[in-house]
Amino acid sequence: MLYLLFTIIGFFPLIWGAHILVDSASALAKRLDIPNIVIGLTIVAFGTSSPELVVNLFAAINNDTDIVMGNIIGSNIFNILGILGISAIVYPLSVKSNTTWIEIPLALLSALLVIVTSNDILFDNAVWSGISRVDGMVFLLFFLVFLGYNIKLAKAGNDDEDMRIKDYTIRKSIIGILIGLVLLVIGGRVIVVYSVEFARLLNISERIIALTIISIGTSLPELATSITAAMKRNVDIAIGNVVGSNIFNIFLILGLSAVISPVRVLPISNTDMIVNIVSSLMLFIFVFTGKENKLERWEGSIFLFLYCFYLIYLLIGNTVI
């Protein structure tokens, strides 16, 4: 129980650090006259994805590949089915900016790329399946393309959403960013070390721990950001935060993790990757069908129901190695 307790305690500095990092980075970006929609799709998305980044970097260094893969896929599934599901129930999420017409298909593409690159045995008759360093570099190239797109967006000056951003000075923003990073490192290290020990002690798959406890815990910043945005009717930020985070998770975080240490993928993980693809595809269908580009409350309810069903499947059918 101490291992589980320390794992949970690790989320406090991790999430607090992410919160400080988001506030400070957003304030700095505002000082530099970066449009709000870009802040939502890049800086806020990067800040809220920083828990996944830190946890995965430590897991990659320790060669805990089940945690690397499970955390990313689990977070992306939770982002769409859990966070967007809850946010849409709070307030229907409409797509008001043209930018999301690009981000949602790109998120779907990233989900497809993961399952293709993770099945070397199936496609190439290789001796093992996984995301190699070369695959990781390809993901990072996609991430650079995404950054280039957002730079172009920034130059266009598309600023169609209001965001409450702290009025920090540049100096205070930089100090806040540094403090946030330190807290992230402390929390990430504690979570990886003690979650692995907890899984081994109870003979539970590290994949299950990563897909449930770790992925939900590291996605709490996205949950808070999107629900708050939905309550304030900033619906573009609510969707942009989740979609941007999913793109960051795969192209940047999984890419960096694979470059540090190739990620071995077990066949059972294909189920999780298929769920990730189906989730992204459903978001695409729900948003881009009908008279309005909107995620309705009943569609959010379907998302939330499917996520609960997926959790039950994991906990009942796949808990023991």
C-alpha atoms as a PDB file:
ATOM      1  CA  MET A   1       0.000   0.000   0.000  1.00  0.00           C
ATOM      2  CA  LEU A   2       2.947   2.330   0.574  1.00  0.00           C
ATOM      3  CA  TYR A   3       3.964   1.942  -3.077  1.00  0.00           C
ATOM      4  CA  LEU A   4       0.435   2.885  -4.186  1.00  0.00           C
ATOM      5  CA  LEU A   5       0.364   5.771  -1.690  1.00  0.00           C
ATOM      6  CA  PHE A   6       3.665   7.196  -2.956  1.00  0.00           C
ATOM      7  CA  THR A   7       2.471   6.786  -6.555  1.00  0.00           C
ATOM      8  CA  ILE A   8      -0.626   8.867  -5.772  1.00  0.00           C
ATOM      9  CA  ILE A   9       1.396  11.422  -3.784  1.00  0.00           C
ATOM     10  CA  GLY A  10       3.654  11.860  -6.820  1.00  0.00           C
ATOM     11  CA  PHE A  11       0.728  13.310  -8.778  1.00  0.00           C
ATOM     12  CA  PHE A  12       0.544  16.365  -6.482  1.00  0.00           C
ATOM     13  CA  PRO A  13       3.890  17.964  -7.451  1.00  0.00           C
ATOM     14  CA  LEU A  14       3.392  16.681 -11.004  1.00  0.00           C
ATOM     15  CA  ILE A  15       0.019  18.376 -11.479  1.00  0.00           C
ATOM     16  CA  TRP A  16       0.924  21.457  -9.433  1.00  0.00           C
ATOM     17  CA  GLY A  17       4.052  21.853 -11.533  1.00  0.00           C
ATOM     18  CA  ALA A  18       2.014  21.521 -14.727  1.00  0.00           C
ATOM     19  CA  HIS A  19      -0.428  24.172 -13.480  1.00  0.00           C
ATOM     20  CA  ILE A  20       2.362  26.621 -12.684  1.00  0.00           C
ATOM     21  CA  LEU A  21       4.030  25.858 -16.008  1.00  0.00           C
ATOM     22  CA  VAL A  22       0.823  26.466 -17.992  1.00  0.00           C
ATOM     23  CA  ASP A  23       0.059  29.752 -16.227  1.00  0.00           C
ATOM     24  CA  SER A  24       3.615  31.053 -16.534  1.00  0.00           C
ATOM     25  CA  ALA A  25       4.131  29.935 -20.147  1.00  0.00           C
ATOM     26  CA  SER A  26       0.743  31.343 -21.200  1.00  0.00           C
ATOM     27  CA  ALA A  27       1.526  34.676 -19.531  1.00  0.00           C
ATOM     28  CA  LEU A  28       4.891  34.805 -21.275  1.00  0.00           C
ATOM     29  CA  ALA A  29       3.271  33.966 -24.623  1.00  0.00           C
ATOM     30  CA  LYS A  30       0.695  36.698 -24.133  1.00  0.00           C
ATOM     31  CA  ARG A  31       3.484  39.169 -23.412  1.00  0.00           C
ATOM     32  CA  LEU A  32       4.978  38.134 -26.750  1.00  0.00           C
ATOM     33  CA  ASP A  33       1.624  38.802 -28.516  1.00  0.00           C
ATOM     34  CA  ILE A  34       0.956  35.179 -29.474  1.00  0.00           C
ATOM     35  CA  PRO A  35      -2.732  34.669 -30.458  1.00  0.00           C
ATOM     36  CA  ASN A  36      -5.016  32.941 -27.925  1.00  0.00           C
ATOM     37  CA  ILE A  37      -5.920  30.053 -30.213  1.00  0.00           C
ATOM     38  CA  VAL A  38      -2.218  29.256 -30.649  1.00  0.00           C
ATOM     39  CA  ILE A  39      -1.738  29.370 -26.890  1.00  0.00           C
ATOM     40  CA  GLY A  40      -4.557  26.845 -26.534  1.00  0.00           C
ATOM     41  CA  LEU A  41      -3.322  24.505 -29.255  1.00  0.00           C
ATOM     42  CA  THR A  42       0.382  24.592 -28.420  1.00  0.00           C
ATOM     43  CA  ILE A  43       1.452  26.144 -25.120  1.00  0.00           C
ATOM     44  CA  VAL A  44      -1.522  25.011 -23.041  1.00  0.00           C
ATOM     45  CA  ALA A  45      -1.468  21.634 -24.796  1.00  0.00           C
ATOM     46  CA  PHE A  46       2.269  21.284 -24.159  1.00  0.00           C
ATOM     47  CA  GLY A  47       1.909  22.365 -20.540  1.00  0.00           C
ATOM     48  CA  THR A  48      -0.967  20.017 -19.827  1.00  0.00           C
ATOM     49  CA  SER A  49       0.922  17.214 -21.609  1.00  0.00           C
ATOM     50  CA  SER A  50       4.056  17.847 -19.560  1.00  0.00           C
ATOM     51  CA  PRO A  51       3.107  15.219 -16.920  1.00  0.00           C
ATOM     52  CA  GLU A  52       2.989  12.565 -19.658  1.00  0.00           C
ATOM     53  CA  LEU A  53       6.282  13.877 -21.028  1.00  0.00           C
ATOM     54  CA  VAL A  54       8.133  13.703 -17.718  1.00  0.00           C
ATOM     55  CA  VAL A  55       6.710  10.303 -16.727  1.00  0.00           C
ATOM     56  CA  ASN A  56       7.551   8.865 -20.151  1.00  0.00           C
ATOM     57  CA  LEU A  57      11.076  10.236 -20.184  1.00  0.00           C
ATOM     58  CA  PHE A  58      11.810   8.588 -16.840  1.00  0.00           C
ATOM     59  CA  ALA A  59      10.116   5.358 -17.983  1.00  0.00           C
ATOM     60  CA  ALA A  60      12.121   5.365 -21.240  1.00  0.00           C
ATOM     61  CA  ILE A  61      15.382   5.913 -19.367  1.00  0.00           C
ATOM     62  CA  ASN A  62      14.474   2.985 -17.071  1.00  0.00           C
ATOM     63  CA  ASN A  63      13.418   0.922 -20.140  1.00  0.00           C
ATOM     64  CA  ASP A  64       9.905   0.459 -18.716  1.00  0.00           C
ATOM     65  CA  THR A  65       8.352   0.256 -22.186  1.00  0.00           C
ATOM     66  CA  ASP A  66       4.919  -0.912 -20.961  1.00  0.00           C
ATOM     67  CA  ILE A  67       4.576   2.341 -19.036  1.00  0.00           C
ATOM     68  CA  VAL A  68       5.834   4.379 -22.010  1.00  0.00           C
ATOM     69  CA  MET A  69       3.206   2.941 -24.351  1.00  0.00           C
ATOM     70  CA  GLY A  70       0.398   2.544 -21.838  1.00  0.00           C
ATOM     71  CA  ASN A  71       0.681   6.102 -20.553  1.00  0.00           C
ATOM     72  CA  ILE A  72       0.451   7.664 -24.028  1.00  0.00           C
ATOM     73  CA  ILE A  73      -2.331   5.476 -25.411  1.00  0.00           C
ATOM     74  CA  GLY A  74      -4.233   5.520 -22.116  1.00  0.00           C
ATOM     75  CA  SER A  75      -3.984   9.309 -21.888  1.00  0.00           C
ATOM     76  CA  ASN A  76      -5.206   9.780 -25.454  1.00  0.00           C
ATOM     77  CA  ILE A  77      -8.165   7.472 -24.884  1.00  0.00           C
ATOM     78  CA  PHE A  78      -9.033   9.250 -21.628  1.00  0.00           C
ATOM     79  CA  ASN A  79      -8.633  12.656 -23.307  1.00  0.00           C
ATOM     80  CA  ILE A  80     -11.295  11.882 -25.909  1.00  0.00           C
ATOM     81  CA  LEU A  81     -13.705   9.480 -24.225  1.00  0.00           C
ATOM     82  CA  GLY A  82     -13.338  10.782 -20.679  1.00  0.00           C
ATOM     83  CA  ILE A  83     -12.464  14.476 -20.856  1.00  0.00           C
ATOM     84  CA  LEU A  84     -14.401  15.439 -23.999  1.00  0.00           C
ATOM     85  CA  GLY A  85     -17.253  13.234 -22.818  1.00  0.00           C
ATOM     86  CA  ILE A  86     -17.525  15.102 -19.507  1.00  0.00           C
ATOM     87  CA  SER A  87     -16.918  18.505 -21.141  1.00  0.00           C
ATOM     88  CA  ALA A  88     -19.651  17.938 -23.748  1.00  0.00           C
ATOM     89  CA  ILE A  89     -22.099  16.967 -21.002  1.00  0.00           C
ATOM     90  CA  VAL A  90     -21.242  20.216 -19.185  1.00  0.00           C
ATOM     91  CA  TYR A  91     -21.797  22.234 -22.373  1.00  0.00           C
ATOM     92  CA  PRO A  92     -22.072  21.133 -26.042  1.00  0.00           C
ATOM     93  CA  LEU A  93     -18.749  21.682 -27.788  1.00  0.00           C
ATOM     94  CA  SER A  94     -18.945  23.360 -31.174  1.00  0.00           C
ATOM     95  CA  VAL A  95     -16.003  23.782 -33.526  1.00  0.00           C
ATOM     96  CA  LYS A  96     -15.911  27.476 -34.321  1.00  0.00           C
ATOM     97  CA  SER A  97     -12.440  27.884 -35.815  1.00  0.00           C
ATOM     98  CA  ASN A  98     -11.109  26.473 -39.058  1.00  0.00           C
ATOM     99  CA  THR A  99      -8.000  25.249 -37.246  1.00  0.00           C
ATOM    100  CA  THR A 100      -9.716  22.221 -35.723  1.00  0.00           C
ATOM    101  CA  TRP A 101     -10.522  20.950 -39.215  1.00  0.00           C
ATOM    102  CA  ILE A 102      -6.812  20.197 -39.408  1.00  0.00           C
ATOM    103  CA  GLU A 103      -6.077  19.112 -35.814  1.00  0.00           C
ATOM    104  CA  ILE A 104      -8.772  16.416 -35.522  1.00  0.00           C
ATOM    105  CA  PRO A 105      -7.758  14.582 -38.749  1.00  0.00           C
ATOM    106  CA  LEU A 106      -4.118  14.923 -37.679  1.00  0.00           C
ATOM    107  CA  ALA A 107      -4.923  13.335 -34.310  1.00  0.00           C
ATOM    108  CA  LEU A 108      -6.620  10.467 -36.156  1.00  0.00           C
ATOM    109  CA  LEU A 109      -3.567  10.101 -38.398  1.00  0.00           C
ATOM    110  CA  SER A 110      -1.284   9.918 -35.361  1.00  0.00           C
ATOM    111  CA  ALA A 111      -3.403   7.106 -33.890  1.00  0.00           C
ATOM    112  CA  LEU A 112      -3.145   5.164 -37.164  1.00  0.00           C
ATOM    113  CA  LEU A 113       0.621   5.695 -37.383  1.00  0.00           C
ATOM    114  CA  VAL A 114       1.135   4.258 -33.900  1.00  0.00           C
ATOM    115  CA  ILE A 115      -0.552   0.939 -34.672  1.00  0.00           C
ATOM    116  CA  VAL A 116       1.263   0.641 -38.033  1.00  0.00           C
ATOM    117  CA  THR A 117       4.720   1.338 -36.583  1.00  0.00           C
ATOM    118  CA  SER A 118       4.034  -0.935 -33.592  1.00  0.00           C
ATOM    119  CA  ASN A 119       3.333  -4.110 -35.601  1.00  0.00           C
ATOM    120  CA  ASP A 120       6.655  -5.031 -37.195  1.00  0.00           C
ATOM    121  CA  ILE A 121       5.952  -8.758 -36.810  1.00  0.00           C
ATOM    122  CA  LEU A 122       2.677  -8.410 -38.699  1.00  0.00           C
ATOM    123  CA  PHE A 123       3.851  -6.096 -41.483  1.00  0.00           C
ATOM    124  CA  ASP A 124       7.585  -6.888 -41.823  1.00  0.00           C
ATOM    125  CA  ASN A 125       7.930 -10.425 -40.360  1.00  0.00           C
ATOM    126  CA  ALA A 126      10.362  -8.955 -37.844  1.00  0.00           C
ATOM    127  CA  VAL A 127      11.506 -10.791 -34.721  1.00  0.00           C
ATOM    128  CA  TRP A 128       9.849  -8.244 -32.422  1.00  0.00           C
ATOM    129  CA  SER A 129       7.277  -5.473 -32.647  1.00  0.00           C
ATOM    130  CA  GLY A 130       7.825  -1.988 -31.370  1.00  0.00           C
ATOM    131  CA  ILE A 131       8.521   1.646 -32.101  1.00  0.00           C
ATOM    132  CA  SER A 132      12.171   1.956 -33.114  1.00  0.00           C
ATOM    133  CA  ARG A 133      14.402   4.997 -32.890  1.00  0.00           C
ATOM    134  CA  VAL A 134      13.797   5.630 -36.593  1.00  0.00           C
ATOM    135  CA  ASP A 135      10.041   5.528 -35.977  1.00  0.00           C
ATOM    136  CA  GLY A 136      10.530   7.973 -33.124  1.00  0.00           C
ATOM    137  CA  MET A 137      12.430  10.328 -35.413  1.00  0.00           C
ATOM    138  CA  VAL A 138       9.589  10.152 -37.944  1.00  0.00           C
ATOM    139  CA  PHE A 139       7.133  11.076 -35.189  1.00  0.00           C
ATOM    140  CA  LEU A 140       9.323  14.041 -34.259  1.00  0.00           C
ATOM    141  CA  LEU A 141       9.330  15.174 -37.890  1.00  0.00           C
ATOM    142  CA  PHE A 142       5.527  15.129 -37.857  1.00  0.00           C
ATOM    143  CA  PHE A 143       5.686  17.176 -34.681  1.00  0.00           C
ATOM    144  CA  LEU A 144       7.891  19.759 -36.408  1.00  0.00           C
ATOM    145  CA  VAL A 145       5.304  19.974 -39.193  1.00  0.00           C
ATOM    146  CA  PHE A 146       2.628  20.573 -36.573  1.00  0.00           C
ATOM    147  CA  LEU A 147       4.748  23.313 -35.010  1.00  0.00           C
ATOM    148  CA  GLY A 148       5.259  24.879 -38.435  1.00  0.00           C
ATOM    149  CA  TYR A 149       1.518  24.887 -38.961  1.00  0.00           C
ATOM    150  CA  ASN A 150       1.004  26.691 -35.652  1.00  0.00           C
ATOM    151  CA  ILE A 151       3.694  29.232 -36.479  1.00  0.00           C
ATOM    152  CA  LYS A 152       1.806  29.963 -39.686  1.00  0.00           C
ATOM    153  CA  LEU A 153      -1.368  30.235 -37.650  1.00  0.00           C
ATOM    154  CA  ALA A 154       0.325  32.692 -35.300  1.00  0.00           C
ATOM    155  CA  LYS A 155       1.377  34.888 -38.207  1.00  0.00           C
ATOM    156  CA  ALA A 156      -2.202  34.902 -39.469  1.00  0.00           C
ATOM    157  CA  GLY A 157      -3.257  36.285 -36.108  1.00  0.00           C
ATOM    158  CA  ASN A 158      -6.416  34.203 -35.762  1.00  0.00           C
ATOM    159  CA  ASP A 159      -7.541  35.219 -32.273  1.00  0.00           C
ATOM    160  CA  ASP A 160     -11.167  34.239 -31.882  1.00  0.00           C
ATOM    161  CA  GLU A 161     -11.294  33.048 -28.260  1.00  0.00           C
ATOM    162  CA  ASP A 162     -10.977  34.836 -24.928  1.00  0.00           C
ATOM    163  CA  MET A 163      -8.667  33.210 -22.405  1.00  0.00           C
ATOM    164  CA  ARG A 164      -8.013  34.184 -18.817  1.00  0.00           C
ATOM    165  CA  ILE A 165      -4.250  34.490 -18.686  1.00  0.00           C
ATOM    166  CA  LYS A 166      -2.231  35.587 -15.670  1.00  0.00           C
ATOM    167  CA  ASP A 167      -0.758  39.070 -15.880  1.00  0.00           C
ATOM    168  CA  TYR A 168       2.799  38.044 -15.022  1.00  0.00           C
ATOM    169  CA  THR A 169       5.924  39.986 -15.884  1.00  0.00           C
ATOM    170  CA  ILE A 170       8.425  38.264 -18.153  1.00  0.00           C
ATOM    171  CA  ARG A 171      10.745  37.681 -15.195  1.00  0.00           C
ATOM    172  CA  LYS A 172       7.989  36.180 -13.047  1.00  0.00           C
ATOM    173  CA  SER A 173       6.867  34.016 -15.965  1.00  0.00           C
ATOM    174  CA  ILE A 174      10.362  32.585 -16.450  1.00  0.00           C
ATOM    175  CA  ILE A 175      10.742  31.871 -12.720  1.00  0.00           C
ATOM    176  CA  GLY A 176       7.338  30.163 -12.724  1.00  0.00           C
ATOM    177  CA  ILE A 177       8.327  28.007 -15.682  1.00  0.00           C
ATOM    178  CA  LEU A 178      11.485  26.867 -13.874  1.00  0.00           C
ATOM    179  CA  ILE A 179       9.591  26.076 -10.651  1.00  0.00           C
ATOM    180  CA  GLY A 180       6.983  24.152 -12.624  1.00  0.00           C
ATOM    181  CA  LEU A 181       9.650  22.083 -14.355  1.00  0.00           C
ATOM    182  CA  VAL A 182      11.325  21.183 -11.036  1.00  0.00           C
ATOM    183  CA  LEU A 183       8.027  20.025  -9.548  1.00  0.00           C
ATOM    184  CA  LEU A 184       7.292  18.021 -12.697  1.00  0.00           C
ATOM    185  CA  VAL A 185      10.622  16.204 -12.458  1.00  0.00           C
ATOM    186  CA  ILE A 186      10.098  15.350  -8.786  1.00  0.00           C
ATOM    187  CA  GLY A 187       6.554  14.086  -9.330  1.00  0.00           C
ATOM    188  CA  GLY A 188       7.412  12.164 -12.491  1.00  0.00           C
ATOM    189  CA  ARG A 189      10.317  10.359 -10.879  1.00  0.00           C
ATOM    190  CA  VAL A 190       8.271   9.329  -7.844  1.00  0.00           C
ATOM    191  CA  ILE A 191       5.384   8.040  -9.972  1.00  0.00           C
ATOM    192  CA  VAL A 192       7.534   5.875 -12.250  1.00  0.00           C
ATOM    193  CA  VAL A 193       9.597   4.320  -9.461  1.00  0.00           C
ATOM    194  CA  TYR A 194       6.743   3.469  -7.103  1.00  0.00           C
ATOM    195  CA  SER A 195       4.147   2.486  -9.719  1.00  0.00           C
ATOM    196  CA  VAL A 196       6.553  -0.099 -11.147  1.00  0.00           C
ATOM    197  CA  GLU A 197       7.243  -1.507  -7.683  1.00  0.00           C
ATOM    198  CA  PHE A 198       3.506  -1.566  -6.929  1.00  0.00           C
ATOM    199  CA  ALA A 199       2.767  -3.496 -10.138  1.00  0.00           C
ATOM    200  CA  ARG A 200       5.541  -6.018  -9.543  1.00  0.00           C
ATOM    201  CA  LEU A 201       4.567  -6.587  -5.913  1.00  0.00           C
ATOM    202  CA  LEU A 202       0.936  -7.433  -6.798  1.00  0.00           C
ATOM    203  CA  ASN A 203       1.877  -9.207 -10.049  1.00  0.00           C
ATOM    204  CA  ILE A 204      -0.194  -6.698 -12.025  1.00  0.00           C
ATOM    205  CA  SER A 205       0.830  -5.785 -15.545  1.00  0.00           C
ATOM    206  CA  GLU A 206       2.650  -2.453 -15.794  1.00  0.00           C
ATOM    207  CA  ARG A 207       0.545  -1.904 -18.916  1.00  0.00           C
ATOM    208  CA  ILE A 208      -2.637  -1.920 -16.817  1.00  0.00           C
ATOM    209  CA  ILE A 209      -1.161   0.476 -14.248  1.00  0.00           C
ATOM    210  CA  ALA A 210      -0.107   2.815 -17.066  1.00  0.00           C
ATOM    211  CA  LEU A 211      -3.459   2.629 -18.901  1.00  0.00           C
ATOM    212  CA  THR A 212      -5.447   3.382 -15.746  1.00  0.00           C
ATOM    213  CA  ILE A 213      -3.806   5.039 -12.736  1.00  0.00           C
ATOM    214  CA  ILE A 214      -0.899   6.734 -14.498  1.00  0.00           C
ATOM    215  CA  SER A 215      -2.720   7.836 -17.666  1.00  0.00           C
ATOM    216  CA  ILE A 216      -5.692   9.271 -15.769  1.00  0.00           C
ATOM    217  CA  GLY A 217      -3.430  10.960 -13.233  1.00  0.00           C
ATOM    218  CA  THR A 218      -1.203  12.572 -15.857  1.00  0.00           C
ATOM    219  CA  SER A 219      -4.287  13.723 -17.799  1.00  0.00           C
ATOM    220  CA  LEU A 220      -5.821  15.613 -14.862  1.00  0.00           C
ATOM    221  CA  PRO A 221      -4.479  18.979 -16.157  1.00  0.00           C
ATOM    222  CA  GLU A 222      -6.273  18.403 -19.475  1.00  0.00           C
ATOM    223  CA  LEU A 223      -9.421  17.464 -17.555  1.00  0.00           C
ATOM    224  CA  ALA A 224      -9.353  20.635 -15.465  1.00  0.00           C
ATOM    225  CA  THR A 225      -8.531  22.860 -18.450  1.00  0.00           C
ATOM    226  CA  SER A 226     -11.243  21.468 -20.738  1.00  0.00           C
ATOM    227  CA  ILE A 227     -14.030  21.359 -18.132  1.00  0.00           C
ATOM    228  CA  THR A 228     -13.228  24.924 -17.045  1.00  0.00           C
ATOM    229  CA  ALA A 229     -13.233  26.034 -20.683  1.00  0.00           C
ATOM    230  CA  ALA A 230     -16.583  24.297 -21.276  1.00  0.00           C
ATOM    231  CA  MET A 231     -18.119  25.965 -18.209  1.00  0.00           C
ATOM    232  CA  LYS A 232     -16.914  29.337 -19.485  1.00  0.00           C
ATOM    233  CA  ARG A 233     -18.274  28.541 -22.984  1.00  0.00           C
ATOM    234  CA  ASN A 234     -14.730  28.654 -24.446  1.00  0.00           C
ATOM    235  CA  VAL A 235     -15.582  25.595 -26.489  1.00  0.00           C
ATOM    236  CA  ASP A 236     -12.789  25.955 -29.025  1.00  0.00           C
ATOM    237  CA  ILE A 237     -10.216  25.859 -26.231  1.00  0.00           C
ATOM    238  CA  ALA A 238     -11.922  22.799 -24.701  1.00  0.00           C
ATOM    239  CA  ILE A 239     -11.575  20.793 -27.929  1.00  0.00           C
ATOM    240  CA  GLY A 240      -8.293  22.364 -29.027  1.00  0.00           C
ATOM    241  CA  ASN A 241      -6.679  21.516 -25.682  1.00  0.00           C
ATOM    242  CA  VAL A 242      -7.541  17.820 -25.955  1.00  0.00           C
ATOM    243  CA  VAL A 243      -6.778  17.417 -29.660  1.00  0.00           C
ATOM    244  CA  GLY A 244      -3.535  19.365 -29.367  1.00  0.00           C
ATOM    245  CA  SER A 245      -2.508  17.276 -26.358  1.00  0.00           C
ATOM    246  CA  ASN A 246      -3.169  14.019 -28.234  1.00  0.00           C
ATOM    247  CA  ILE A 247      -0.979  15.184 -31.102  1.00  0.00           C
ATOM    248  CA  PHE A 248       1.745  16.224 -28.656  1.00  0.00           C
ATOM    249  CA  ASN A 249       1.506  12.909 -26.814  1.00  0.00           C
ATOM    250  CA  ILE A 250       2.202  10.773 -29.868  1.00  0.00           C
ATOM    251  CA  PHE A 251       4.409  12.880 -32.110  1.00  0.00           C
ATOM    252  CA  LEU A 252       6.504  14.571 -29.409  1.00  0.00           C
ATOM    253  CA  ILE A 253       6.364  12.461 -26.240  1.00  0.00           C
ATOM    254  CA  LEU A 254       6.214   8.989 -27.785  1.00  0.00           C
ATOM    255  CA  GLY A 255       8.709  10.122 -30.420  1.00  0.00           C
ATOM    256  CA  LEU A 256      11.211  11.319 -27.798  1.00  0.00           C
ATOM    257  CA  SER A 257      10.655   8.181 -25.708  1.00  0.00           C
ATOM    258  CA  ALA A 258      11.421   5.920 -28.689  1.00  0.00           C
ATOM    259  CA  VAL A 259      14.552   7.902 -29.557  1.00  0.00           C
ATOM    260  CA  ILE A 260      15.801   7.468 -25.983  1.00  0.00           C
ATOM    261  CA  SER A 261      14.922   3.766 -25.884  1.00  0.00           C
ATOM    262  CA  PRO A 262      13.049   1.703 -28.534  1.00  0.00           C
ATOM    263  CA  VAL A 263       9.568   0.853 -27.264  1.00  0.00           C
ATOM    264  CA  ARG A 264       8.791  -2.856 -27.380  1.00  0.00           C
ATOM    265  CA  VAL A 265       5.052  -3.427 -27.942  1.00  0.00           C
ATOM    266  CA  LEU A 266       3.251  -6.633 -26.959  1.00  0.00           C
ATOM    267  CA  PRO A 267       0.406  -7.980 -29.165  1.00  0.00           C
ATOM    268  CA  ILE A 268      -2.145  -7.331 -26.405  1.00  0.00           C
ATOM    269  CA  SER A 269      -1.476  -3.601 -26.752  1.00  0.00           C
ATOM    270  CA  ASN A 270      -3.130  -3.708 -30.187  1.00  0.00           C
ATOM    271  CA  THR A 271      -6.475  -3.702 -28.379  1.00  0.00           C
ATOM    272  CA  ASP A 272      -5.615  -0.398 -26.708  1.00  0.00           C
ATOM    273  CA  MET A 273      -4.377   1.105 -29.958  1.00  0.00           C
ATOM    274  CA  ILE A 274      -7.581   0.053 -31.730  1.00  0.00           C
ATOM    275  CA  VAL A 275      -9.622   1.726 -28.982  1.00  0.00           C
ATOM    276  CA  ASN A 276      -7.500   4.846 -29.514  1.00  0.00           C
ATOM    277  CA  ILE A 277      -8.224   4.787 -33.263  1.00  0.00           C
ATOM    278  CA  VAL A 278     -11.950   4.207 -32.752  1.00  0.00           C
ATOM    279  CA  SER A 279     -12.086   7.071 -30.237  1.00  0.00           C
ATOM    280  CA  SER A 280     -10.395   9.478 -32.655  1.00  0.00           C
ATOM    281  CA  LEU A 281     -12.606   8.295 -35.514  1.00  0.00           C
ATOM    282  CA  MET A 282     -15.757   8.776 -33.438  1.00  0.00           C
ATOM    283  CA  LEU A 283     -14.667  12.314 -32.556  1.00  0.00           C
ATOM    284  CA  PHE A 284     -14.148  13.005 -36.266  1.00  0.00           C
ATOM    285  CA  ILE A 285     -17.583  11.605 -37.151  1.00  0.00           C
ATOM    286  CA  PHE A 286     -19.439  13.311 -34.292  1.00  0.00           C
ATOM    287  CA  VAL A 287     -17.894  16.735 -34.941  1.00  0.00           C
ATOM    288  CA  PHE A 288     -18.063  16.779 -38.741  1.00  0.00           C
ATOM    289  CA  THR A 289     -21.530  15.276 -39.274  1.00  0.00           C
ATOM    290  CA  GLY A 290     -24.885  16.939 -38.819  1.00  0.00           C
ATOM    291  CA  LYS A 291     -25.972  20.485 -39.487  1.00  0.00           C
ATOM    292  CA  GLU A 292     -23.551  21.996 -36.968  1.00  0.00           C
ATOM    293  CA  ASN A 293     -19.952  21.058 -36.183  1.00  0.00           C
ATOM    294  CA  LYS A 294     -20.790  20.226 -32.600  1.00  0.00           C
ATOM    295  CA  LEU A 295     -20.231  17.531 -29.979  1.00  0.00           C
ATOM    296  CA  GLU A 296     -23.648  17.215 -28.366  1.00  0.00           C
ATOM    297  CA  ARG A 297     -24.422  16.142 -24.807  1.00  0.00           C
ATOM    298  CA  TRP A 298     -25.727  12.732 -25.909  1.00  0.00           C
ATOM    299  CA  GLU A 299     -22.526  12.140 -27.869  1.00  0.00           C
ATOM    300  CA  GLY A 300     -20.487  13.084 -24.813  1.00  0.00           C
ATOM    301  CA  SER A 301     -22.552  10.594 -22.805  1.00  0.00           C
ATOM    302  CA  ILE A 302     -21.664   7.866 -25.318  1.00  0.00           C
ATOM    303  CA  PHE A 303     -17.973   8.767 -24.955  1.00  0.00           C
ATOM    304  CA  LEU A 304     -18.153   8.541 -21.162  1.00  0.00           C
ATOM    305  CA  PHE A 305     -20.060   5.237 -21.247  1.00  0.00           C
ATOM    306  CA  LEU A 306     -17.496   3.712 -23.624  1.00  0.00           C
ATOM    307  CA  TYR A 307     -14.627   4.830 -21.400  1.00  0.00           C
ATOM    308  CA  CYS A 308     -16.221   3.243 -18.324  1.00  0.00           C
ATOM    309  CA  PHE A 309     -16.762   0.039 -20.338  1.00  0.00           C
ATOM    310  CA  TYR A 310     -13.095   0.096 -21.424  1.00  0.00           C
ATOM    311  CA  LEU A 311     -11.935   0.480 -17.809  1.00  0.00           C
ATOM    312  CA  ILE A 312     -14.076  -2.458 -16.733  1.00  0.00           C
ATOM    313  CA  TYR A 313     -12.598  -4.534 -19.570  1.00  0.00           C
ATOM    314  CA  LEU A 314      -9.067  -3.683 -18.437  1.00  0.00           C
ATOM    315  CA  LEU A 315      -9.640  -4.309 -14.752  1.00  0.00           C
ATOM    316  CA  ILE A 316     -11.625  -7.534 -15.119  1.00  0.00           C
ATOM    317  CA  GLY A 317     -10.029  -9.180 -18.143  1.00  0.00           C
ATOM    318  CA  ASN A 318      -6.405  -8.062 -18.173  1.00  0.00           C
ATOM    319  CA  THR A 319      -5.187  -7.266 -14.686  1.00  0.00           C
ATOM    320  CA  VAL A 320      -2.928 -10.236 -14.005  1.00  0.00           C
ATOM    321  CA  ILE A 321       0.063 -11.087 -16.187  1.00  0.00           C
END
